[in-house]
Amino acid sequence: MSATSVHPTEFWHRLADGRVQCDVCPRACVLKEGQRGLCFVRGCEDGAVVLHTYGRSSGFCIDPIEKKPLNHFLPGTPVLSFGTAGCNLTCRFCQNWDMSKSREMDTLAAEASPAGIAHAAQAHGCRSVAYTYNDPVIFLEYACDTAQLCRELGIRNVAVTAGYISPGARERFFSCMDAANIDLKAFTDDFYKRLCSARLGPILETIEYVHKETPVWLELTTLIIPGHNDSDAEIARMAAWVVEHLGPDVPMHFSAFHPAYRMQDVPPTPASTLTRARQVAMDQGVHYAYTGNVHDAGGGSTYCHACGELLMERDWYRIGHWGLTAEGRCAHCGTPCAGVFEAAPGHWGARRLPLSPAAMAEVA
């Protein structure tokens, strides 16, 4: 089977009437022969659910790990990022809509086998591979096959996902990951229903599962959209839930919305709103809260929750002052900082290095 063949999938079952049901996410799409699910990349062929984007990507790029965003996982190191096409949510505000909403296979210009991706990451000195841009839940088999080969080369795996995944697939997917940033898009079911055609409950279940049942390092991101999820009350409820159900050490990122896709009429998020959200979260007991998509060195840096000393200075994605010991403790007071750290940070900085299909093929 070639790298770009239609690929068998793991999570589906056949119904009594001859149709098949996809069991990867809570949508549970029921399909007749030749039909695709809402994600568009999983469909019914020859009486089985297959994946149409195995071995094909919308592009590859080496990013700073902080761009995922992950601030407490191998800071300063490069990550090879890639995605495919399609999505199992219908977010009207999608910031990557050209990839996640694509229904054209021409979007998938780059071809790469799982082995090719793993070897490319190794050749370029990447410490991890990120499954991102569109939601990797929908290309689970491609992601997991790649992750297994990355681990064999000592390269870690990062999921950037909305967390809309069913229990069986959830266990399989996150068993392949070492870190995850999950989008907690809002804290009301109404928001998810109106703007994403989804439900909040399964996402909270995924977040709790990852934190409590796996060794995966977890961080959360909320895109703050003016007039939709930016009230102090909602942010406070969200942060209180995080502290109660996950503990205070799970980092929360509050990122700026920019008009996109089907929400061109909503203004960009003011930087002051992100600063306020960060403070609200910390007032609820969150130890590590950050602002994102804005230039805010204070809001992007990490401070010791015990003594207030600067631990990791960030200016955009550049690491400056480093105040952690080799054991990951505050150099001033000795309090541990939650995360996955090495004795010193990486020095990748803010560079963004796109990789062409030719460059990928050279090291495959």
Protein backbone atom coordinates (compact mmCIF):
# COMPACT_ATOMS: atom_id res chain seq x y z
CA MET A 1 0.00 0.00 0.00
CA SER A 2 1.49 3.36 -0.96
CA ALA A 3 1.82 6.25 1.48
CA THR A 4 -1.06 8.06 -0.17
CA SER A 5 -3.50 5.15 -0.49
CA VAL A 6 -6.95 5.14 1.03
CA HIS A 7 -6.26 3.60 4.42
CA PRO A 8 -8.27 1.28 6.68
CA THR A 9 -9.52 2.74 9.96
CA GLU A 10 -9.90 1.26 13.43
CA PHE A 11 -13.03 2.72 14.97
CA TRP A 12 -16.31 1.91 13.22
CA HIS A 13 -18.97 -0.77 13.12
CA ARG A 14 -21.55 -2.09 10.69
CA LEU A 15 -25.25 -1.53 11.34
CA ALA A 16 -28.06 -4.02 10.76
CA ASP A 17 -29.31 -2.10 7.71
CA GLY A 18 -25.93 -2.39 5.95
CA ARG A 19 -24.74 1.11 6.68
CA VAL A 20 -21.62 1.78 8.77
CA GLN A 21 -21.10 4.05 11.75
CA CYS A 22 -17.86 5.88 12.40
CA ASP A 23 -16.94 5.73 16.09
CA VAL A 24 -13.99 8.13 16.21
CA CYS A 25 -15.91 11.11 17.57
CA PRO A 26 -19.24 11.84 19.25
CA ARG A 27 -20.84 12.71 15.91
CA ALA A 28 -21.13 8.97 15.18
CA CYS A 29 -21.67 9.62 11.45
CA VAL A 30 -23.79 6.91 9.81
CA LEU A 31 -22.73 6.38 6.21
CA LYS A 32 -23.92 4.61 3.10
CA GLU A 33 -21.53 3.39 0.44
CA GLY A 34 -19.64 6.32 -1.04
CA GLN A 35 -20.64 8.82 1.63
CA ARG A 36 -18.19 10.90 3.70
CA GLY A 37 -18.58 11.94 7.32
CA LEU A 38 -18.83 15.57 8.38
CA CYS A 39 -15.03 15.66 8.67
CA PHE A 40 -14.96 14.77 4.93
CA VAL A 41 -11.83 12.63 5.26
CA ARG A 42 -13.42 9.49 6.71
CA GLY A 43 -15.87 7.76 4.41
CA CYS A 44 -17.51 4.47 3.48
CA GLU A 45 -15.89 2.37 0.74
CA ASP A 46 -16.56 -1.33 0.13
CA GLY A 47 -18.63 -1.49 3.30
CA ALA A 48 -15.93 -0.14 5.62
CA VAL A 49 -14.85 3.24 6.97
CA VAL A 50 -11.59 4.38 5.38
CA LEU A 51 -9.30 7.40 5.75
CA HIS A 52 -8.70 9.42 2.57
CA THR A 53 -5.82 11.60 3.81
CA TYR A 54 -3.31 9.00 5.01
CA GLY A 55 0.17 10.08 3.90
CA ARG A 56 -0.94 13.47 2.58
CA SER A 57 -0.49 16.82 4.26
CA SER A 58 -1.42 20.45 3.75
CA GLY A 59 2.20 21.32 4.53
CA PHE A 60 5.11 20.95 6.94
CA CYS A 61 6.78 23.62 9.03
CA ILE A 62 9.31 23.75 11.86
CA ASP A 63 7.98 26.00 14.62
CA PRO A 64 8.93 26.92 18.17
CA ILE A 65 7.11 24.61 20.59
CA GLU A 66 5.66 27.71 22.28
CA LYS A 67 3.58 28.35 19.15
CA LYS A 68 1.40 25.25 19.73
CA PRO A 69 1.09 26.75 22.42
CA LEU A 70 3.04 24.70 24.95
CA ASN A 71 4.97 26.75 27.49
CA HIS A 72 5.89 23.97 29.91
CA PHE A 73 7.02 21.25 27.49
CA LEU A 74 10.66 21.33 26.31
CA PRO A 75 10.78 25.17 26.13
CA GLY A 76 12.74 26.72 23.31
CA THR A 77 12.88 23.57 21.18
CA PRO A 78 11.83 23.13 17.53
CA VAL A 79 8.78 21.06 16.60
CA LEU A 80 7.91 19.72 13.14
CA SER A 81 4.25 20.65 12.60
CA PHE A 82 1.85 19.26 10.03
CA GLY A 83 -1.83 18.71 9.36
CA THR A 84 -4.10 17.35 6.65
CA ALA A 85 -7.56 18.65 5.65
CA GLY A 86 -11.03 18.59 7.13
CA CYS A 87 -12.35 18.81 10.69
CA ASN A 88 -15.05 17.24 12.86
CA LEU A 89 -16.19 20.62 14.21
CA THR A 90 -17.84 23.43 12.26
CA CYS A 91 -16.39 26.43 14.12
CA ARG A 92 -17.58 29.64 12.48
CA PHE A 93 -14.48 31.44 13.81
CA CYS A 94 -11.86 28.93 12.64
CA GLN A 95 -8.42 30.55 12.37
CA ASN A 96 -7.12 27.76 10.08
CA TRP A 97 -10.25 27.54 7.95
CA ASP A 98 -8.39 27.20 4.65
CA MET A 99 -7.14 23.77 5.81
CA SER A 100 -9.70 22.58 8.33
CA LYS A 101 -12.71 23.49 6.15
CA SER A 102 -11.18 22.30 2.92
CA ARG A 103 -13.18 19.87 0.80
CA GLU A 104 -10.56 19.74 -1.93
CA MET A 105 -7.89 17.08 -1.91
CA ASP A 106 -5.72 19.53 -3.89
CA THR A 107 -5.13 21.20 -0.52
CA LEU A 108 -2.99 18.19 0.32
CA ALA A 109 0.00 19.09 -1.83
CA ALA A 110 2.66 17.38 0.28
CA GLU A 111 3.10 13.63 0.45
CA ALA A 112 4.92 11.98 3.34
CA SER A 113 4.84 8.55 4.88
CA PRO A 114 4.98 8.19 8.66
CA ALA A 115 8.61 7.10 8.33
CA GLY A 116 9.37 10.10 6.13
CA ILE A 117 7.98 12.49 8.74
CA ALA A 118 9.88 10.84 11.58
CA HIS A 119 13.17 10.93 9.66
CA ALA A 120 12.60 14.52 8.57
CA ALA A 121 12.09 15.56 12.19
CA GLN A 122 15.29 13.77 13.17
CA ALA A 123 17.28 15.25 10.28
CA HIS A 124 16.22 18.79 11.19
CA GLY A 125 16.93 18.44 14.90
CA CYS A 126 13.29 18.61 16.02
CA ARG A 127 12.59 17.33 19.52
CA SER A 128 8.96 16.65 18.72
CA VAL A 129 6.35 16.36 15.98
CA ALA A 130 3.03 18.22 16.30
CA TYR A 131 -0.21 17.00 14.76
CA THR A 132 -1.95 20.32 14.23
CA TYR A 133 -3.48 22.92 11.84
CA ASN A 134 -6.60 20.77 11.51
CA ASP A 135 -7.71 18.34 14.20
CA PRO A 136 -5.57 15.16 14.28
CA VAL A 137 -8.47 13.17 15.73
CA ILE A 138 -9.83 12.77 12.20
CA PHE A 139 -6.51 11.41 10.84
CA LEU A 140 -5.92 9.23 13.90
CA GLU A 141 -4.35 6.29 12.07
CA TYR A 142 -1.87 8.48 10.18
CA ALA A 143 -0.98 10.33 13.38
CA CYS A 144 -0.54 7.20 15.48
CA ASP A 145 1.57 5.39 12.88
CA THR A 146 3.79 8.46 12.63
CA ALA A 147 4.00 8.83 16.40
CA GLN A 148 5.14 5.24 16.87
CA LEU A 149 8.04 5.73 14.44
CA CYS A 150 8.93 9.06 16.04
CA ARG A 151 9.19 7.41 19.44
CA GLU A 152 11.57 4.82 18.02
CA LEU A 153 13.86 7.72 17.09
CA GLY A 154 13.51 9.44 20.47
CA ILE A 155 11.20 12.15 19.10
CA ARG A 156 8.16 13.10 21.14
CA ASN A 157 4.62 13.67 19.91
CA VAL A 158 2.30 16.63 20.43
CA ALA A 159 -1.45 16.77 19.78
CA VAL A 160 -3.14 20.10 19.13
CA THR A 161 -6.81 19.20 19.27
CA ALA A 162 -10.31 20.27 20.23
CA GLY A 163 -10.67 17.01 22.13
CA TYR A 164 -13.92 15.98 20.41
CA ILE A 165 -13.22 12.26 20.42
CA SER A 166 -15.02 9.12 21.62
CA PRO A 167 -13.71 6.98 24.50
CA GLY A 168 -12.24 4.06 22.54
CA ALA A 169 -10.50 6.26 20.00
CA ARG A 170 -9.47 8.60 22.83
CA GLU A 171 -7.47 5.84 24.52
CA ARG A 172 -5.74 4.83 21.30
CA PHE A 173 -4.94 8.38 20.20
CA PHE A 174 -3.53 9.72 23.45
CA SER A 175 -1.50 6.56 24.09
CA CYS A 176 0.61 7.79 21.16
CA MET A 177 1.08 11.34 22.48
CA ASP A 178 3.52 12.89 24.95
CA ALA A 179 1.94 16.33 25.20
CA ALA A 180 -1.34 17.92 24.19
CA ASN A 181 -2.83 21.36 23.91
CA ILE A 182 -6.60 21.00 23.98
CA ASP A 183 -8.85 23.85 22.84
CA LEU A 184 -11.39 24.58 25.55
CA LYS A 185 -13.28 26.94 23.27
CA ALA A 186 -15.76 28.19 25.84
CA PHE A 187 -17.51 27.04 28.98
CA THR A 188 -21.12 26.88 27.83
CA ASP A 189 -22.91 24.22 25.86
CA ASP A 190 -24.75 27.00 24.01
CA PHE A 191 -21.47 28.32 22.54
CA TYR A 192 -20.47 24.86 21.30
CA LYS A 193 -23.90 24.19 19.80
CA ARG A 194 -24.27 27.58 18.07
CA LEU A 195 -20.75 28.12 16.80
CA CYS A 196 -19.19 24.63 16.56
CA SER A 197 -22.12 22.18 16.12
CA ALA A 198 -20.74 20.23 19.06
CA ARG A 199 -21.20 19.69 22.79
CA LEU A 200 -19.09 20.77 25.74
CA GLY A 201 -19.48 17.59 27.78
CA PRO A 202 -17.35 15.22 25.66
CA ILE A 203 -14.53 17.79 25.57
CA LEU A 204 -14.46 18.10 29.35
CA GLU A 205 -14.41 14.30 29.54
CA THR A 206 -11.41 14.21 27.20
CA ILE A 207 -9.56 16.85 29.21
CA GLU A 208 -10.12 14.97 32.47
CA TYR A 209 -9.14 11.67 30.85
CA VAL A 210 -5.86 13.03 29.50
CA HIS A 211 -4.90 14.63 32.80
CA LYS A 212 -5.95 11.83 35.14
CA GLU A 213 -5.50 8.65 33.12
CA THR A 214 -2.43 9.28 30.96
CA PRO A 215 1.14 10.59 31.37
CA VAL A 216 0.52 13.16 28.60
CA TRP A 217 1.55 16.71 29.54
CA LEU A 218 -1.56 18.91 29.17
CA GLU A 219 -2.12 22.60 28.47
CA LEU A 220 -5.39 24.34 27.55
CA THR A 221 -6.16 27.17 25.12
CA THR A 222 -9.22 29.39 24.85
CA LEU A 223 -9.62 31.73 21.89
CA ILE A 224 -11.33 34.75 23.45
CA ILE A 225 -14.01 36.10 21.09
CA PRO A 226 -15.55 39.47 21.91
CA GLY A 227 -19.21 39.16 22.86
CA HIS A 228 -19.23 35.36 22.81
CA ASN A 229 -16.99 33.90 25.54
CA ASP A 230 -15.19 36.90 27.05
CA SER A 231 -17.19 37.61 30.20
CA ASP A 232 -15.41 37.54 33.54
CA ALA A 233 -18.09 35.22 34.90
CA GLU A 234 -17.60 32.57 32.21
CA ILE A 235 -13.81 32.71 32.43
CA ALA A 236 -14.01 32.43 36.21
CA ARG A 237 -16.27 29.35 35.96
CA MET A 238 -13.89 27.77 33.47
CA ALA A 239 -10.82 28.43 35.60
CA ALA A 240 -12.58 27.22 38.75
CA TRP A 241 -13.47 23.97 36.94
CA VAL A 242 -9.83 23.52 35.89
CA VAL A 243 -8.58 23.99 39.44
CA GLU A 244 -11.22 21.67 40.91
CA HIS A 245 -10.99 18.88 38.34
CA LEU A 246 -7.38 19.10 37.14
CA GLY A 247 -5.55 21.04 39.83
CA PRO A 248 -3.85 24.43 39.66
CA ASP A 249 -0.80 23.37 37.63
CA VAL A 250 -2.44 22.88 34.20
CA PRO A 251 -1.46 25.98 32.17
CA MET A 252 -4.23 28.02 30.58
CA HIS A 253 -3.66 30.14 27.45
CA PHE A 254 -6.02 32.97 26.47
CA SER A 255 -5.50 33.85 22.82
CA ALA A 256 -6.65 36.73 20.65
CA PHE A 257 -9.33 36.18 18.02
CA HIS A 258 -8.87 37.75 14.58
CA PRO A 259 -11.83 38.04 12.18
CA ALA A 260 -11.88 34.92 10.01
CA TYR A 261 -14.07 32.52 8.07
CA ARG A 262 -17.74 33.16 8.94
CA MET A 263 -17.13 35.66 11.74
CA GLN A 264 -15.69 38.56 9.79
CA ASP A 265 -18.06 40.95 11.54
CA VAL A 266 -16.62 40.38 15.01
CA PRO A 267 -13.77 42.71 16.01
CA PRO A 268 -10.33 41.46 17.08
CA THR A 269 -9.84 40.74 20.77
CA PRO A 270 -8.35 43.72 22.62
CA ALA A 271 -5.11 42.93 24.42
CA SER A 272 -6.68 44.27 27.61
CA THR A 273 -9.34 41.52 27.45
CA LEU A 274 -6.65 38.84 27.42
CA THR A 275 -4.85 40.48 30.33
CA ARG A 276 -8.12 40.54 32.26
CA ALA A 277 -8.84 36.87 31.45
CA ARG A 278 -5.38 35.90 32.64
CA GLN A 279 -5.91 37.72 35.92
CA VAL A 280 -9.36 36.20 36.42
CA ALA A 281 -7.89 32.71 35.97
CA MET A 282 -5.10 33.38 38.45
CA ASP A 283 -7.61 34.81 40.93
CA GLN A 284 -9.36 31.41 40.75
CA GLY A 285 -6.13 29.68 41.72
CA VAL A 286 -4.59 28.79 38.33
CA HIS A 287 -0.80 28.83 38.78
CA TYR A 288 0.15 29.41 35.14
CA ALA A 289 -2.00 31.60 32.88
CA TYR A 290 -0.86 33.20 29.63
CA THR A 291 -1.91 35.62 26.91
CA GLY A 292 -1.42 34.63 23.27
CA ASN A 293 -1.46 36.03 19.72
CA VAL A 294 -0.44 39.43 21.11
CA HIS A 295 2.90 40.99 22.02
CA ASP A 296 2.83 40.76 25.80
CA ALA A 297 6.13 39.71 27.36
CA GLY A 298 4.65 39.78 30.86
CA GLY A 299 1.59 37.75 29.94
CA GLY A 300 3.67 35.25 27.98
CA SER A 301 6.30 34.65 30.66
CA THR A 302 6.25 32.12 33.50
CA TYR A 303 6.50 33.15 37.14
CA CYS A 304 6.93 31.09 40.29
CA HIS A 305 3.49 30.71 41.87
CA ALA A 306 5.09 30.63 45.33
CA CYS A 307 7.48 33.60 45.35
CA GLY A 308 6.64 35.46 42.12
CA GLU A 309 10.14 35.28 40.63
CA LEU A 310 10.54 35.15 36.85
CA LEU A 311 11.16 31.55 35.74
CA MET A 312 10.92 31.66 31.95
CA GLU A 313 10.96 34.97 30.11
CA ARG A 314 9.26 34.96 26.70
CA ASP A 315 9.20 37.77 24.15
CA TRP A 316 6.92 36.40 21.48
CA TYR A 317 8.47 32.94 21.15
CA ARG A 318 12.01 33.80 22.23
CA ILE A 319 13.24 32.49 25.58
CA GLY A 320 15.16 35.11 27.59
CA HIS A 321 15.88 34.84 31.32
CA TRP A 322 15.85 31.26 32.61
CA GLY A 323 15.18 30.96 36.33
CA LEU A 324 14.78 27.20 36.70
CA THR A 325 17.31 24.84 38.22
CA ALA A 326 18.36 21.69 36.37
CA GLU A 327 15.69 19.86 38.39
CA GLY A 328 12.92 22.22 37.23
CA ARG A 329 12.64 24.21 40.45
CA CYS A 330 12.53 27.94 41.06
CA ALA A 331 16.15 29.04 41.49
CA HIS A 332 15.03 31.58 44.09
CA CYS A 333 12.82 29.58 46.46
CA GLY A 334 13.09 25.98 45.30
CA THR A 335 9.40 25.47 44.47
CA PRO A 336 8.87 22.93 41.63
CA CYS A 337 7.51 24.29 38.36
CA ALA A 338 5.07 21.89 36.71
CA GLY A 339 6.10 20.72 33.25
CA VAL A 340 8.53 18.69 31.18
CA PHE A 341 11.88 20.47 31.28
CA GLU A 342 15.50 19.81 30.52
CA ALA A 343 18.49 21.30 32.35
CA ALA A 344 18.50 24.27 29.95
CA PRO A 345 16.06 25.62 27.35
CA GLY A 346 16.45 25.22 23.63
CA HIS A 347 17.48 28.11 21.41
CA TRP A 348 15.20 27.76 18.39
CA GLY A 349 13.72 31.19 19.02
CA ALA A 350 10.86 32.56 16.93
CA ARG A 351 11.93 31.08 13.61
CA ARG A 352 9.35 29.52 11.31
CA LEU A 353 10.88 27.20 8.71
CA PRO A 354 8.49 25.79 6.07
CA LEU A 355 9.63 22.51 4.54
CA SER A 356 8.91 21.86 0.87
CA PRO A 357 7.80 18.44 -0.39
CA ALA A 358 11.26 18.17 -1.98
CA ALA A 359 12.96 18.81 1.34
CA MET A 360 10.79 16.15 2.98
CA ALA A 361 11.59 13.66 0.22
CA GLU A 362 15.34 14.19 0.59
CA VAL A 363 15.35 12.73 4.09
CA ALA A 364 12.53 10.21 3.72
